């Protein structure tokens, strides 16, 4: 398993808000406890609001804020999209400014201070990939509000490309990584998709209604 994928899996484990021991996470992911300790340090450095310590356990509890500003999810999305676009500019000064701004934003994400940009091994996706993911945001948000089914073309962790029909339920932000929680009709179960791995997102004419066992309230990470 690639480290990026393992870190993503750790977030899925922690997102239930409960305290998880490093050794339990290590056993679940089939790695050493020392590896989990290093991964937790990376997540904290990435701006993911992880709390805890070695020998006790870890959990995610905080919302995203940028002191002294409290940003909405849409505002944070706009900020990241702007940096992604500018970082693709031909002007080297603008590109350097976008990267510098990204580091400053990283440095004030909640609770912990990011040491160096080089430590952000989890979220170091090319800005071009980030921009591709953000391009789907209007479609995803509109479908969530309208309870409208989507057809996704998605690249899985093992690089397999699949097409599936989903019921989009909720979007979250994890240190530059956006995720979409959905009910997947292909798997007949809940699935969490990384937005940066979505190739296409097509809104379908079919709407859906809340059904027992298929709502966001029913989802248990």
Protein backbone atom coordinates (compact mmCIF):
# COMPACT_ATOMS: atom_id res chain seq x y z
CA UNK A 1 0.00 0.00 0.00
CA UNK A 2 1.31 3.44 -0.93
CA UNK A 3 1.89 5.80 1.97
CA UNK A 4 -0.57 8.31 0.56
CA UNK A 5 -3.28 5.65 0.50
CA UNK A 6 -2.44 4.52 4.03
CA UNK A 7 -2.68 8.08 5.33
CA UNK A 8 -6.05 8.44 3.66
CA UNK A 9 -7.18 5.20 5.32
CA UNK A 10 -6.02 6.49 8.71
CA UNK A 11 -8.22 9.57 8.28
CA UNK A 12 -11.19 7.32 7.55
CA UNK A 13 -10.50 5.42 10.77
CA UNK A 14 -10.14 8.59 12.87
CA UNK A 15 -13.09 10.48 11.46
CA UNK A 16 -15.58 8.75 13.78
CA UNK A 17 -14.38 11.10 16.55
CA UNK A 18 -13.33 8.27 18.85
CA UNK A 19 -9.92 7.65 20.41
CA UNK A 20 -7.89 5.04 18.51
CA UNK A 21 -4.67 3.46 19.76
CA UNK A 22 -1.74 3.43 17.38
CA UNK A 23 -1.24 -0.31 17.83
CA UNK A 24 -4.86 -0.99 16.85
CA UNK A 25 -4.54 1.12 13.71
CA UNK A 26 -1.23 -0.60 12.91
CA UNK A 27 -2.83 -4.04 13.20
CA UNK A 28 -5.72 -3.01 10.99
CA UNK A 29 -3.44 -1.63 8.28
CA UNK A 30 -0.80 -4.36 8.72
CA UNK A 31 2.11 -2.04 9.45
CA UNK A 32 4.28 -1.37 12.50
CA UNK A 33 3.26 0.91 15.35
CA UNK A 34 6.33 3.03 14.63
CA UNK A 35 5.02 3.56 11.09
CA UNK A 36 1.71 4.80 12.49
CA UNK A 37 3.54 7.23 14.77
CA UNK A 38 5.35 8.67 11.77
CA UNK A 39 2.10 8.84 9.81
CA UNK A 40 0.39 10.74 12.62
CA UNK A 41 3.22 13.28 12.63
CA UNK A 42 2.73 13.71 8.88
CA UNK A 43 -1.03 14.18 9.21
CA UNK A 44 -0.54 16.83 11.87
CA UNK A 45 2.04 18.55 9.66
CA UNK A 46 -0.48 18.42 6.79
CA UNK A 47 -2.99 20.45 8.75
CA UNK A 48 -5.33 17.56 9.53
CA UNK A 49 -6.73 18.26 13.03
CA UNK A 50 -5.39 15.16 14.76
CA UNK A 51 -5.14 15.22 18.54
CA UNK A 52 -3.41 12.70 20.78
CA UNK A 53 -0.03 11.31 21.69
CA UNK A 54 2.01 8.15 21.60
CA UNK A 55 0.92 5.58 24.14
CA UNK A 56 -2.52 7.15 24.55
CA UNK A 57 -4.26 7.33 21.20
CA UNK A 58 -5.39 9.67 18.43
CA UNK A 59 -8.62 11.29 17.30
CA UNK A 60 -9.93 14.02 15.01
CA UNK A 61 -12.15 16.59 16.69
CA UNK A 62 -11.64 20.08 15.31
CA UNK A 63 -13.14 22.04 12.47
CA UNK A 64 -11.00 23.84 9.93
CA UNK A 65 -10.29 27.52 10.72
CA UNK A 66 -7.57 29.99 9.83
CA UNK A 67 -6.91 32.40 12.71
CA UNK A 68 -7.84 35.19 12.92
CA UNK A 69 -10.27 34.37 10.11
CA UNK A 70 -12.96 31.74 10.32
CA UNK A 71 -13.47 30.48 6.79
CA UNK A 72 -16.44 28.63 5.41
CA UNK A 73 -15.85 25.47 3.41
CA UNK A 74 -16.69 27.37 0.21
CA UNK A 75 -14.20 30.14 1.06
CA UNK A 76 -11.46 27.62 1.79
CA UNK A 77 -12.24 25.87 -1.48
CA UNK A 78 -12.00 29.17 -3.36
CA UNK A 79 -8.65 29.96 -1.74
CA UNK A 80 -7.19 26.57 -2.68
CA UNK A 81 -8.56 26.75 -6.21
CA UNK A 82 -7.06 30.20 -6.68
CA UNK A 83 -3.63 28.96 -5.56
CA UNK A 84 -3.93 25.94 -7.85
CA UNK A 85 -4.72 28.09 -10.87
CA UNK A 86 -2.02 30.67 -10.20
CA UNK A 87 0.56 27.94 -9.56
CA UNK A 88 0.02 26.75 -13.14
CA UNK A 89 0.79 30.20 -14.54
CA UNK A 90 3.78 30.65 -16.82
CA UNK A 91 4.97 33.63 -14.79
CA UNK A 92 7.63 32.23 -12.40
CA UNK A 93 7.04 35.05 -9.90
CA UNK A 94 3.32 34.27 -9.69
CA UNK A 95 4.02 30.55 -9.36
CA UNK A 96 6.50 31.21 -6.54
CA UNK A 97 3.98 33.49 -4.85
CA UNK A 98 1.27 30.79 -5.02
CA UNK A 99 3.59 28.20 -3.48
CA UNK A 100 4.62 30.68 -0.77
CA UNK A 101 0.98 31.46 -0.01
CA UNK A 102 0.20 27.74 0.19
CA UNK A 103 2.94 27.34 2.79
CA UNK A 104 1.54 30.25 4.82
CA UNK A 105 -1.95 28.76 4.72
CA UNK A 106 -0.50 25.41 5.78
CA UNK A 107 1.23 27.08 8.70
CA UNK A 108 -1.99 28.41 10.26
CA UNK A 109 -4.25 25.41 9.83
CA UNK A 110 -5.71 24.46 13.21
CA UNK A 111 -3.89 23.48 16.35
CA UNK A 112 -0.48 22.57 15.10
CA UNK A 113 2.12 24.50 13.15
CA UNK A 114 3.47 22.87 10.01
CA UNK A 115 7.23 22.63 10.27
CA UNK A 116 8.31 22.63 6.63
CA UNK A 117 6.49 22.29 3.36
CA UNK A 118 8.76 19.33 2.62
CA UNK A 119 7.12 17.45 5.49
CA UNK A 120 3.77 17.62 3.72
CA UNK A 121 4.25 14.25 2.04
CA UNK A 122 0.56 13.37 2.31
CA UNK A 123 -0.91 16.26 0.35
CA UNK A 124 1.83 17.00 -2.14
CA UNK A 125 -0.30 16.52 -5.21
CA UNK A 126 0.62 18.53 -8.32
CA UNK A 127 -1.41 21.71 -8.46
CA UNK A 128 -2.71 20.64 -11.87
CA UNK A 129 -4.33 17.61 -10.21
CA UNK A 130 -5.79 19.80 -7.50
CA UNK A 131 -7.32 22.11 -10.09
CA UNK A 132 -8.84 19.11 -11.87
CA UNK A 133 -10.51 18.03 -8.64
CA UNK A 134 -11.84 21.50 -7.89
CA UNK A 135 -13.41 21.64 -11.33
CA UNK A 136 -15.97 19.06 -10.14
CA UNK A 137 -16.97 21.03 -7.02
CA UNK A 138 -19.98 22.92 -8.50
CA UNK A 139 -21.47 19.70 -9.88
CA UNK A 140 -20.90 17.82 -6.62
CA UNK A 141 -22.32 20.56 -4.40
CA UNK A 142 -25.36 21.09 -6.60
CA UNK A 143 -26.10 17.36 -6.66
CA UNK A 144 -25.87 17.13 -2.86
CA UNK A 145 -28.33 20.01 -2.45
CA UNK A 146 -30.76 18.69 -5.06
CA UNK A 147 -30.44 15.01 -4.01
CA UNK A 148 -29.47 14.22 -7.59
CA UNK A 149 -27.66 11.07 -8.62
CA UNK A 150 -24.24 11.32 -10.26
CA UNK A 151 -22.32 9.16 -12.67
CA UNK A 152 -18.65 9.16 -11.65
CA UNK A 153 -15.60 7.95 -13.48
CA UNK A 154 -13.13 7.26 -10.69
CA UNK A 155 -9.56 6.05 -10.34
CA UNK A 156 -9.20 3.71 -7.37
CA UNK A 157 -6.13 3.25 -5.15
CA UNK A 158 -4.84 0.44 -7.33
CA UNK A 159 -5.19 2.62 -10.46
CA UNK A 160 -8.32 0.85 -11.71
CA UNK A 161 -10.82 3.12 -13.46
CA UNK A 162 -14.48 2.42 -12.76
CA UNK A 163 -17.76 4.08 -13.65
CA UNK A 164 -20.46 4.07 -11.01
CA UNK A 165 -23.77 5.70 -10.08
CA UNK A 166 -23.78 7.33 -6.64
CA UNK A 167 -25.99 9.25 -4.27
CA UNK A 168 -23.78 12.16 -3.12
CA UNK A 169 -24.30 12.90 0.57
CA UNK A 170 -21.54 15.06 2.04
CA UNK A 171 -18.20 16.72 1.29
CA UNK A 172 -15.32 17.21 3.72
CA UNK A 173 -11.92 18.87 3.69
CA UNK A 174 -8.82 17.21 5.16
CA UNK A 175 -5.71 19.30 4.72
CA UNK A 176 -6.03 20.00 0.96
CA UNK A 177 -7.75 16.69 0.39
CA UNK A 178 -11.48 16.89 -0.37
CA UNK A 179 -13.62 13.79 0.03
CA UNK A 180 -17.14 12.95 -1.10
CA UNK A 181 -19.17 10.58 1.06
CA UNK A 182 -21.77 8.76 -1.03
CA UNK A 183 -24.00 5.75 -1.35
CA UNK A 184 -22.53 3.75 -4.22
CA UNK A 185 -25.05 1.74 -6.24
CA UNK A 186 -22.26 -0.34 -7.78
CA UNK A 187 -21.06 -1.58 -4.36
CA UNK A 188 -24.47 -1.28 -2.65
CA UNK A 189 -22.70 0.40 0.27
CA UNK A 190 -21.24 3.68 1.45
CA UNK A 191 -18.05 4.84 -0.23
CA UNK A 192 -15.75 7.82 0.37
CA UNK A 193 -14.21 9.20 -2.83
CA UNK A 194 -11.20 11.48 -3.06
CA UNK A 195 -12.28 14.39 -5.23
CA UNK A 196 -8.84 14.69 -6.83
CA UNK A 197 -9.24 11.13 -8.17
CA UNK A 198 -12.60 11.80 -9.84
CA UNK A 199 -12.12 11.88 -13.60
CA UNK A 200 -15.65 12.89 -14.60
CA UNK A 201 -18.82 13.77 -12.67
CA UNK A 202 -22.08 13.84 -14.61
CA UNK A 203 -25.37 14.90 -13.01
CA UNK A 204 -28.17 12.51 -13.93
CA UNK A 205 -31.86 13.45 -14.32
CA UNK A 206 -32.77 10.91 -11.63
CA UNK A 207 -33.29 12.27 -8.10
CA UNK A 208 -33.17 10.18 -4.92
CA UNK A 209 -35.04 10.26 -1.63
CA UNK A 210 -33.66 9.36 1.77
CA UNK A 211 -34.03 5.65 2.47
CA UNK A 212 -33.27 3.88 5.76
CA UNK A 213 -29.67 2.66 5.74
CA UNK A 214 -28.60 4.92 2.88
CA UNK A 215 -28.48 8.37 4.50
CA UNK A 216 -25.51 10.27 5.88
CA UNK A 217 -26.82 9.67 9.39
CA UNK A 218 -26.53 5.92 8.74
CA UNK A 219 -22.90 6.15 7.66
CA UNK A 220 -20.42 4.77 10.16
CA UNK A 221 -16.76 5.24 9.09
